[in-house]
Amino acid sequence: MVANGVLKPATHEGNHGGWSFPALCVKKKDGTKRLCVQFQKLNDITVKDSWPLLWIVDVLESFQGSKVFATLDLLKGFNQVRVAEDSKTKL
């Protein structure tokens, strides 16, 4: 993932204090592996930003009259989420 530009090696520059979280690879049913990281300590200090989820009925009704639809295949979608620069040190 580093070679593909998805992950960057960790650094401890500035006053970030160096974040570290327990991580391990877990074997999935199909034999491939999934990286699992325990972020509970980070979650404990994260400022909560709660937004109510939309009702699915409202979402579906908003499609009324639409003629064109598209889908996106976000394989490994978590790795495609943009992260603010000042938050990247936590990940």
PDB file of N, CA and C in Angstrom:
ATOM      1  N   MET A   1       0.825  -1.196   0.000  1.00  0.00           N
ATOM      2  CA  MET A   1       0.000   0.000   0.000  1.00  0.00           C
ATOM      3  C   MET A   1       0.868   1.259   0.000  1.00  0.00           C
ATOM      4  N   VAL A   2       2.050   1.179   0.603  1.00  0.00           N
ATOM      5  CA  VAL A   2       2.980   2.311   0.570  1.00  0.00           C
ATOM      6  C   VAL A   2       3.438   2.539  -0.868  1.00  0.00           C
ATOM      7  N   ALA A   3       3.802   1.458  -1.553  1.00  0.00           N
ATOM      8  CA  ALA A   3       4.278   1.558  -2.937  1.00  0.00           C
ATOM      9  C   ALA A   3       3.219   2.150  -3.860  1.00  0.00           C
ATOM     10  N   ASN A   4       1.948   1.919  -3.552  1.00  0.00           N
ATOM     11  CA  ASN A   4       0.859   2.435  -4.377  1.00  0.00           C
ATOM     12  C   ASN A   4       0.385   3.825  -3.945  1.00  0.00           C
ATOM     13  N   GLY A   5       1.031   4.408  -2.933  1.00  0.00           N
ATOM     14  CA  GLY A   5       0.674   5.750  -2.498  1.00  0.00           C
ATOM     15  C   GLY A   5      -0.550   5.827  -1.611  1.00  0.00           C
ATOM     16  N   VAL A   6      -1.048   4.662  -1.156  1.00  0.00           N
ATOM     17  CA  VAL A   6      -2.223   4.649  -0.286  1.00  0.00           C
ATOM     18  C   VAL A   6      -1.820   4.969   1.146  1.00  0.00           C
ATOM     19  N   LEU A   7      -0.717   4.401   1.591  1.00  0.00           N
ATOM     20  CA  LEU A   7      -0.203   4.649   2.939  1.00  0.00           C
ATOM     21  C   LEU A   7       1.121   5.381   2.852  1.00  0.00           C
ATOM     22  N   LYS A   8       1.414   6.152   3.892  1.00  0.00           N
ATOM     23  CA  LYS A   8       2.691   6.837   4.006  1.00  0.00           C
ATOM     24  C   LYS A   8       3.348   6.367   5.294  1.00  0.00           C
ATOM     25  N   PRO A   9       4.687   6.245   5.297  1.00  0.00           N
ATOM     26  CA  PRO A   9       5.361   5.854   6.538  1.00  0.00           C
ATOM     27  C   PRO A   9       5.083   6.876   7.643  1.00  0.00           C
ATOM     28  N   ALA A  10       4.964   6.398   8.868  1.00  0.00           N
ATOM     29  CA  ALA A  10       4.679   7.278  10.002  1.00  0.00           C
ATOM     30  C   ALA A  10       5.891   8.125  10.340  1.00  0.00           C
ATOM     31  N   THR A  11       5.631   9.369  10.721  1.00  0.00           N
ATOM     32  CA  THR A  11       6.679  10.259  11.207  1.00  0.00           C
ATOM     33  C   THR A  11       6.183  10.895  12.498  1.00  0.00           C
ATOM     34  N   HIS A  12       7.094  11.413  13.277  1.00  0.00           N
ATOM     35  CA  HIS A  12       6.723  12.047  14.546  1.00  0.00           C
ATOM     36  C   HIS A  12       7.230  13.477  14.560  1.00  0.00           C
ATOM     37  N   GLU A  13       6.889  14.233  13.539  1.00  0.00           N
ATOM     38  CA  GLU A  13       7.344  15.616  13.425  1.00  0.00           C
ATOM     39  C   GLU A  13       6.433  16.544  14.215  1.00  0.00           C
ATOM     40  N   GLY A  14       6.973  17.670  14.635  1.00  0.00           N
ATOM     41  CA  GLY A  14       6.168  18.683  15.310  1.00  0.00           C
ATOM     42  C   GLY A  14       5.745  18.239  16.696  1.00  0.00           C
ATOM     43  N   ASN A  15       4.607  18.765  17.151  1.00  0.00           N
ATOM     44  CA  ASN A  15       4.115  18.491  18.498  1.00  0.00           C
ATOM     45  C   ASN A  15       3.024  17.434  18.512  1.00  0.00           C
ATOM     46  N   HIS A  16       3.018  16.543  17.560  1.00  0.00           N
ATOM     47  CA  HIS A  16       1.944  15.558  17.477  1.00  0.00           C
ATOM     48  C   HIS A  16       2.070  14.471  18.531  1.00  0.00           C
ATOM     49  N   GLY A  17       3.246  14.320  19.110  1.00  0.00           N
ATOM     50  CA  GLY A  17       3.409  13.350  20.183  1.00  0.00           C
ATOM     51  C   GLY A  17       3.540  11.916  19.710  1.00  0.00           C
ATOM     52  N   GLY A  18       3.327  11.647  18.465  1.00  0.00           N
ATOM     53  CA  GLY A  18       3.449  10.290  17.951  1.00  0.00           C
ATOM     54  C   GLY A  18       2.278   9.416  18.352  1.00  0.00           C
ATOM     55  N   TRP A  19       1.442   9.120  17.434  1.00  0.00           N
ATOM     56  CA  TRP A  19       0.281   8.269  17.685  1.00  0.00           C
ATOM     57  C   TRP A  19       0.653   6.837  17.380  1.00  0.00           C
ATOM     58  N   SER A  20       0.116   5.924  18.139  1.00  0.00           N
ATOM     59  CA  SER A  20       0.350   4.508  17.904  1.00  0.00           C
ATOM     60  C   SER A  20      -0.898   3.737  18.317  1.00  0.00           C
ATOM     61  N   PHE A  21      -1.304   2.798  17.473  1.00  0.00           N
ATOM     62  CA  PHE A  21      -2.501   2.014  17.750  1.00  0.00           C
ATOM     63  C   PHE A  21      -2.221   0.548  17.468  1.00  0.00           C
ATOM     64  N   PRO A  22      -2.743  -0.349  18.310  1.00  0.00           N
ATOM     65  CA  PRO A  22      -2.546  -1.781  18.070  1.00  0.00           C
ATOM     66  C   PRO A  22      -3.162  -2.176  16.728  1.00  0.00           C
ATOM     67  N   ALA A  23      -2.417  -2.958  15.943  1.00  0.00           N
ATOM     68  CA  ALA A  23      -2.904  -3.403  14.640  1.00  0.00           C
ATOM     69  C   ALA A  23      -2.510  -4.855  14.422  1.00  0.00           C
ATOM     70  N   LEU A  24      -3.366  -5.564  13.696  1.00  0.00           N
ATOM     71  CA  LEU A  24      -3.056  -6.936  13.329  1.00  0.00           C
ATOM     72  C   LEU A  24      -3.803  -7.305  12.057  1.00  0.00           C
ATOM     73  N   CYS A  25      -3.311  -8.322  11.375  1.00  0.00           N
ATOM     74  CA  CYS A  25      -3.978  -8.819  10.175  1.00  0.00           C
ATOM     75  C   CYS A  25      -4.850  -9.998  10.563  1.00  0.00           C
ATOM     76  N   VAL A  26      -6.085  -9.976  10.100  1.00  0.00           N
ATOM     77  CA  VAL A  26      -7.038 -11.036  10.397  1.00  0.00           C
ATOM     78  C   VAL A  26      -7.369 -11.753   9.096  1.00  0.00           C
ATOM     79  N   LYS A  27      -7.364 -13.068   9.134  1.00  0.00           N
ATOM     80  CA  LYS A  27      -7.665 -13.860   7.951  1.00  0.00           C
ATOM     81  C   LYS A  27      -9.176 -13.864   7.720  1.00  0.00           C
ATOM     82  N   LYS A  28      -9.590 -13.531   6.496  1.00  0.00           N
ATOM     83  CA  LYS A  28     -11.003 -13.537   6.139  1.00  0.00           C
ATOM     84  C   LYS A  28     -11.403 -14.936   5.666  1.00  0.00           C
ATOM     85  N   LYS A  29     -12.707 -15.162   5.509  1.00  0.00           N
ATOM     86  CA  LYS A  29     -13.218 -16.469   5.093  1.00  0.00           C
ATOM     87  C   LYS A  29     -12.623 -16.932   3.774  1.00  0.00           C
ATOM     88  N   ASP A  30     -12.355 -15.975   2.867  1.00  0.00           N
ATOM     89  CA  ASP A  30     -11.827 -16.357   1.548  1.00  0.00           C
ATOM     90  C   ASP A  30     -10.312 -16.547   1.553  1.00  0.00           C
ATOM     91  N   GLY A  31      -9.675 -16.436   2.712  1.00  0.00           N
ATOM     92  CA  GLY A  31      -8.235 -16.661   2.816  1.00  0.00           C
ATOM     93  C   GLY A  31      -7.392 -15.398   2.722  1.00  0.00           C
ATOM     94  N   THR A  32      -7.961 -14.299   2.210  1.00  0.00           N
ATOM     95  CA  THR A  32      -7.223 -13.046   2.155  1.00  0.00           C
ATOM     96  C   THR A  32      -7.163 -12.448   3.557  1.00  0.00           C
ATOM     97  N   LYS A  33      -6.375 -11.419   3.709  1.00  0.00           N
ATOM     98  CA  LYS A  33      -6.207 -10.818   5.034  1.00  0.00           C
ATOM     99  C   LYS A  33      -6.760  -9.402   5.071  1.00  0.00           C
ATOM    100  N   ARG A  34      -7.231  -9.009   6.234  1.00  0.00           N
ATOM    101  CA  ARG A  34      -7.756  -7.656   6.462  1.00  0.00           C
ATOM    102  C   ARG A  34      -6.973  -7.039   7.604  1.00  0.00           C
ATOM    103  N   LEU A  35      -6.547  -5.793   7.416  1.00  0.00           N
ATOM    104  CA  LEU A  35      -5.852  -5.063   8.466  1.00  0.00           C
ATOM    105  C   LEU A  35      -6.882  -4.510   9.444  1.00  0.00           C
ATOM    106  N   CYS A  36      -6.724  -4.836  10.715  1.00  0.00           N
ATOM    107  CA  CYS A  36      -7.625  -4.343  11.764  1.00  0.00           C
ATOM    108  C   CYS A  36      -6.818  -3.494  12.741  1.00  0.00           C
ATOM    109  N   VAL A  37      -7.346  -2.321  13.062  1.00  0.00           N
ATOM    110  CA  VAL A  37      -6.659  -1.397  13.964  1.00  0.00           C
ATOM    111  C   VAL A  37      -7.615  -0.997  15.073  1.00  0.00           C
ATOM    112  N   GLN A  38      -7.126  -0.972  16.304  1.00  0.00           N
ATOM    113  CA  GLN A  38      -7.955  -0.575  17.443  1.00  0.00           C
ATOM    114  C   GLN A  38      -7.786   0.925  17.684  1.00  0.00           C
ATOM    115  N   PHE A  39      -8.822   1.685  17.362  1.00  0.00           N
ATOM    116  CA  PHE A  39      -8.778   3.137  17.491  1.00  0.00           C
ATOM    117  C   PHE A  39      -9.550   3.654  18.709  1.00  0.00           C
ATOM    118  N   GLN A  40      -9.855   2.803  19.685  1.00  0.00           N
ATOM    119  CA  GLN A  40     -10.673   3.232  20.817  1.00  0.00           C
ATOM    120  C   GLN A  40     -10.086   4.436  21.549  1.00  0.00           C
ATOM    121  N   LYS A  41      -8.777   4.469  21.772  1.00  0.00           N
ATOM    122  CA  LYS A  41      -8.174   5.598  22.503  1.00  0.00           C
ATOM    123  C   LYS A  41      -8.297   6.896  21.704  1.00  0.00           C
ATOM    124  N   LEU A  42      -8.175   6.805  20.388  1.00  0.00           N
ATOM    125  CA  LEU A  42      -8.378   7.989  19.550  1.00  0.00           C
ATOM    126  C   LEU A  42      -9.840   8.417  19.595  1.00  0.00           C
ATOM    127  N   ASN A  43     -10.751   7.457  19.540  1.00  0.00           N
ATOM    128  CA  ASN A  43     -12.180   7.772  19.608  1.00  0.00           C
ATOM    129  C   ASN A  43     -12.529   8.493  20.908  1.00  0.00           C
ATOM    130  N   ASP A  44     -11.860   8.124  22.003  1.00  0.00           N
ATOM    131  CA  ASP A  44     -12.130   8.745  23.303  1.00  0.00           C
ATOM    132  C   ASP A  44     -11.826  10.237  23.318  1.00  0.00           C
ATOM    133  N   ILE A  45     -10.856  10.693  22.507  1.00  0.00           N
ATOM    134  CA  ILE A  45     -10.487  12.112  22.520  1.00  0.00           C
ATOM    135  C   ILE A  45     -10.996  12.873  21.290  1.00  0.00           C
ATOM    136  N   THR A  46     -11.703  12.172  20.422  1.00  0.00           N
ATOM    137  CA  THR A  46     -12.213  12.800  19.209  1.00  0.00           C
ATOM    138  C   THR A  46     -13.478  13.595  19.505  1.00  0.00           C
ATOM    139  N   VAL A  47     -13.543  14.822  18.983  1.00  0.00           N
ATOM    140  CA  VAL A  47     -14.737  15.644  19.146  1.00  0.00           C
ATOM    141  C   VAL A  47     -15.841  15.054  18.275  1.00  0.00           C
ATOM    142  N   LYS A  48     -16.967  14.744  18.882  1.00  0.00           N
ATOM    143  CA  LYS A  48     -18.072  14.123  18.161  1.00  0.00           C
ATOM    144  C   LYS A  48     -18.775  15.166  17.289  1.00  0.00           C
ATOM    145  N   ASP A  49     -19.076  14.791  16.078  1.00  0.00           N
ATOM    146  CA  ASP A  49     -19.763  15.657  15.121  1.00  0.00           C
ATOM    147  C   ASP A  49     -20.962  14.877  14.600  1.00  0.00           C
ATOM    148  N   SER A  50     -22.062  14.938  15.316  1.00  0.00           N
ATOM    149  CA  SER A  50     -23.196  14.093  14.955  1.00  0.00           C
ATOM    150  C   SER A  50     -24.133  14.798  13.984  1.00  0.00           C
ATOM    151  N   TRP A  51     -24.462  14.080  12.950  1.00  0.00           N
ATOM    152  CA  TRP A  51     -25.416  14.533  11.945  1.00  0.00           C
ATOM    153  C   TRP A  51     -26.456  13.441  11.799  1.00  0.00           C
ATOM    154  N   PRO A  52     -27.728  13.806  11.790  1.00  0.00           N
ATOM    155  CA  PRO A  52     -28.742  12.754  11.639  1.00  0.00           C
ATOM    156  C   PRO A  52     -28.694  12.156  10.233  1.00  0.00           C
ATOM    157  N   LEU A  53     -28.878  10.850  10.156  1.00  0.00           N
ATOM    158  CA  LEU A  53     -28.941  10.187   8.861  1.00  0.00           C
ATOM    159  C   LEU A  53     -30.288  10.482   8.208  1.00  0.00           C
ATOM    160  N   LEU A  54     -30.279  10.537   6.892  1.00  0.00           N
ATOM    161  CA  LEU A  54     -31.520  10.759   6.160  1.00  0.00           C
ATOM    162  C   LEU A  54     -32.393   9.512   6.218  1.00  0.00           C
ATOM    163  N   TRP A  55     -33.698   9.703   6.194  1.00  0.00           N
ATOM    164  CA  TRP A  55     -34.623   8.584   6.106  1.00  0.00           C
ATOM    165  C   TRP A  55     -34.568   8.047   4.679  1.00  0.00           C
ATOM    166  N   ILE A  56     -34.471   6.731   4.537  1.00  0.00           N
ATOM    167  CA  ILE A  56     -34.350   6.125   3.216  1.00  0.00           C
ATOM    168  C   ILE A  56     -35.540   6.473   2.332  1.00  0.00           C
ATOM    169  N   VAL A  57     -36.724   6.603   2.912  1.00  0.00           N
ATOM    170  CA  VAL A  57     -37.920   6.966   2.126  1.00  0.00           C
ATOM    171  C   VAL A  57     -37.730   8.347   1.511  1.00  0.00           C
ATOM    172  N   ASP A  58     -37.199   9.289   2.273  1.00  0.00           N
ATOM    173  CA  ASP A  58     -36.949  10.633   1.751  1.00  0.00           C
ATOM    174  C   ASP A  58     -35.927  10.603   0.623  1.00  0.00           C
ATOM    175  N   VAL A  59     -34.886   9.780   0.794  1.00  0.00           N
ATOM    176  CA  VAL A  59     -33.860   9.665  -0.245  1.00  0.00           C
ATOM    177  C   VAL A  59     -34.471   9.095  -1.522  1.00  0.00           C
ATOM    178  N   LEU A  60     -35.219   8.019  -1.400  1.00  0.00           N
ATOM    179  CA  LEU A  60     -35.834   7.393  -2.574  1.00  0.00           C
ATOM    180  C   LEU A  60     -36.830   8.324  -3.252  1.00  0.00           C
ATOM    181  N   GLU A  61     -37.604   9.057  -2.465  1.00  0.00           N
ATOM    182  CA  GLU A  61     -38.570   9.997  -3.051  1.00  0.00           C
ATOM    183  C   GLU A  61     -37.862  11.136  -3.784  1.00  0.00           C
ATOM    184  N   SER A  62     -36.657  11.472  -3.378  1.00  0.00           N
ATOM    185  CA  SER A  62     -35.926  12.545  -4.051  1.00  0.00           C
ATOM    186  C   SER A  62     -35.512  12.145  -5.467  1.00  0.00           C
ATOM    187  N   PHE A  63     -35.547  10.839  -5.778  1.00  0.00           N
ATOM    188  CA  PHE A  63     -35.215  10.355  -7.118  1.00  0.00           C
ATOM    189  C   PHE A  63     -36.383  10.487  -8.088  1.00  0.00           C
ATOM    190  N   GLN A  64     -37.553  10.813  -7.582  1.00  0.00           N
ATOM    191  CA  GLN A  64     -38.753  10.876  -8.429  1.00  0.00           C
ATOM    192  C   GLN A  64     -38.523  11.838  -9.602  1.00  0.00           C
ATOM    193  N   GLY A  65     -38.828  11.355 -10.795  1.00  0.00           N
ATOM    194  CA  GLY A  65     -38.677  12.155 -11.999  1.00  0.00           C
ATOM    195  C   GLY A  65     -37.296  12.066 -12.622  1.00  0.00           C
ATOM    196  N   SER A  66     -36.357  11.422 -11.937  1.00  0.00           N
ATOM    197  CA  SER A  66     -35.001  11.297 -12.480  1.00  0.00           C
ATOM    198  C   SER A  66     -34.995  10.307 -13.642  1.00  0.00           C
ATOM    199  N   LYS A  67     -34.127  10.559 -14.605  1.00  0.00           N
ATOM    200  CA  LYS A  67     -34.040   9.693 -15.776  1.00  0.00           C
ATOM    201  C   LYS A  67     -32.671   9.023 -15.906  1.00  0.00           C
ATOM    202  N   VAL A  68     -31.658   9.569 -15.265  1.00  0.00           N
ATOM    203  CA  VAL A  68     -30.316   9.025 -15.368  1.00  0.00           C
ATOM    204  C   VAL A  68     -29.823   8.685 -13.963  1.00  0.00           C
ATOM    205  N   PHE A  69     -29.287   7.480 -13.823  1.00  0.00           N
ATOM    206  CA  PHE A  69     -28.737   7.034 -12.545  1.00  0.00           C
ATOM    207  C   PHE A  69     -27.338   6.501 -12.784  1.00  0.00           C
ATOM    208  N   ALA A  70     -26.483   6.599 -11.795  1.00  0.00           N
ATOM    209  CA  ALA A  70     -25.126   6.078 -11.901  1.00  0.00           C
ATOM    210  C   ALA A  70     -24.764   5.382 -10.601  1.00  0.00           C
ATOM    211  N   THR A  71     -23.864   4.455 -10.687  1.00  0.00           N
ATOM    212  CA  THR A  71     -23.343   3.797  -9.493  1.00  0.00           C
ATOM    213  C   THR A  71     -21.828   3.881  -9.520  1.00  0.00           C
ATOM    214  N   LEU A  72     -21.246   3.831  -8.358  1.00  0.00           N
ATOM    215  CA  LEU A  72     -19.792   3.818  -8.229  1.00  0.00           C
ATOM    216  C   LEU A  72     -19.404   2.585  -7.437  1.00  0.00           C
ATOM    217  N   ASP A  73     -18.388   1.899  -7.896  1.00  0.00           N
ATOM    218  CA  ASP A  73     -17.864   0.767  -7.158  1.00  0.00           C
ATOM    219  C   ASP A  73     -16.677   1.263  -6.348  1.00  0.00           C
ATOM    220  N   LEU A  74     -16.881   1.477  -5.069  1.00  0.00           N
ATOM    221  CA  LEU A  74     -15.823   2.007  -4.212  1.00  0.00           C
ATOM    222  C   LEU A  74     -15.112   0.870  -3.492  1.00  0.00           C
ATOM    223  N   LEU A  75     -14.438   0.030  -4.277  1.00  0.00           N
ATOM    224  CA  LEU A  75     -13.675  -1.063  -3.706  1.00  0.00           C
ATOM    225  C   LEU A  75     -12.682  -0.496  -2.699  1.00  0.00           C
ATOM    226  N   LYS A  76     -12.714  -1.029  -1.523  1.00  0.00           N
ATOM    227  CA  LYS A  76     -11.854  -0.537  -0.447  1.00  0.00           C
ATOM    228  C   LYS A  76     -12.104   0.957  -0.220  1.00  0.00           C
ATOM    229  N   GLY A  77     -13.368   1.316  -0.173  1.00  0.00           N
ATOM    230  CA  GLY A  77     -13.791   2.710  -0.089  1.00  0.00           C
ATOM    231  C   GLY A  77     -13.189   3.496   1.054  1.00  0.00           C
ATOM    232  N   PHE A  78     -12.887   2.849   2.185  1.00  0.00           N
ATOM    233  CA  PHE A  78     -12.315   3.564   3.323  1.00  0.00           C
ATOM    234  C   PHE A  78     -11.040   4.286   2.919  1.00  0.00           C
ATOM    235  N   ASN A  79     -10.256   3.668   2.057  1.00  0.00           N
ATOM    236  CA  ASN A  79      -8.993   4.270   1.634  1.00  0.00           C
ATOM    237  C   ASN A  79      -9.189   5.402   0.640  1.00  0.00           C
ATOM    238  N   GLN A  80     -10.426   5.672   0.234  1.00  0.00           N
ATOM    239  CA  GLN A  80     -10.691   6.736  -0.717  1.00  0.00           C
ATOM    240  C   GLN A  80     -11.289   7.973  -0.055  1.00  0.00           C
ATOM    241  N   VAL A  81     -11.379   7.972   1.267  1.00  0.00           N
ATOM    242  CA  VAL A  81     -11.942   9.102   2.001  1.00  0.00           C
ATOM    243  C   VAL A  81     -10.849  10.128   2.250  1.00  0.00           C
ATOM    244  N   ARG A  82     -11.096  11.386   1.859  1.00  0.00           N
ATOM    245  CA  ARG A  82     -10.114  12.445   2.108  1.00  0.00           C
ATOM    246  C   ARG A  82     -10.057  12.745   3.603  1.00  0.00           C
ATOM    247  N   VAL A  83      -8.869  13.045   4.054  1.00  0.00           N
ATOM    248  CA  VAL A  83      -8.641  13.355   5.464  1.00  0.00           C
ATOM    249  C   VAL A  83      -7.937  14.701   5.545  1.00  0.00           C
ATOM    250  N   ALA A  84      -8.392  15.556   6.458  1.00  0.00           N
ATOM    251  CA  ALA A  84      -7.774  16.862   6.655  1.00  0.00           C
ATOM    252  C   ALA A  84      -6.296  16.675   7.015  1.00  0.00           C
ATOM    253  N   GLU A  85      -5.426  17.568   6.500  1.00  0.00           N
ATOM    254  CA  GLU A  85      -3.983  17.459   6.724  1.00  0.00           C
ATOM    255  C   GLU A  85      -3.634  17.324   8.201  1.00  0.00           C
ATOM    256  N   ASP A  86      -4.282  18.121   9.057  1.00  0.00           N
ATOM    257  CA  ASP A  86      -3.932  18.078  10.487  1.00  0.00           C
ATOM    258  C   ASP A  86      -4.444  16.830  11.181  1.00  0.00           C
ATOM    259  N   SER A  87      -5.238  16.007  10.508  1.00  0.00           N
ATOM    260  CA  SER A  87      -5.726  14.759  11.077  1.00  0.00           C
ATOM    261  C   SER A  87      -4.945  13.551  10.588  1.00  0.00           C
ATOM    262  N   LYS A  88      -4.162  13.710   9.537  1.00  0.00           N
ATOM    263  CA  LYS A  88      -3.461  12.574   8.941  1.00  0.00           C
ATOM    264  C   LYS A  88      -2.476  11.937   9.905  1.00  0.00           C
ATOM    265  N   THR A  89      -1.917  12.721  10.832  1.00  0.00           N
ATOM    266  CA  THR A  89      -0.953  12.145  11.766  1.00  0.00           C
ATOM    267  C   THR A  89      -1.619  11.138  12.697  1.00  0.00           C
ATOM    268  N   LYS A  90      -2.920  11.244  12.872  1.00  0.00           N
ATOM    269  CA  LYS A  90      -3.633  10.311  13.745  1.00  0.00           C
ATOM    270  C   LYS A  90      -3.916   8.989  13.052  1.00  0.00           C
ATOM    271  N   LEU A  91      -3.860   8.999  11.744  1.00  0.00           N
ATOM    272  CA  LEU A  91      -4.144   7.782  10.987  1.00  0.00           C
ATOM    273  C   LEU A  91      -2.886   7.075  10.573  1.00  0.00           C
TER     274      LEU A  91
END
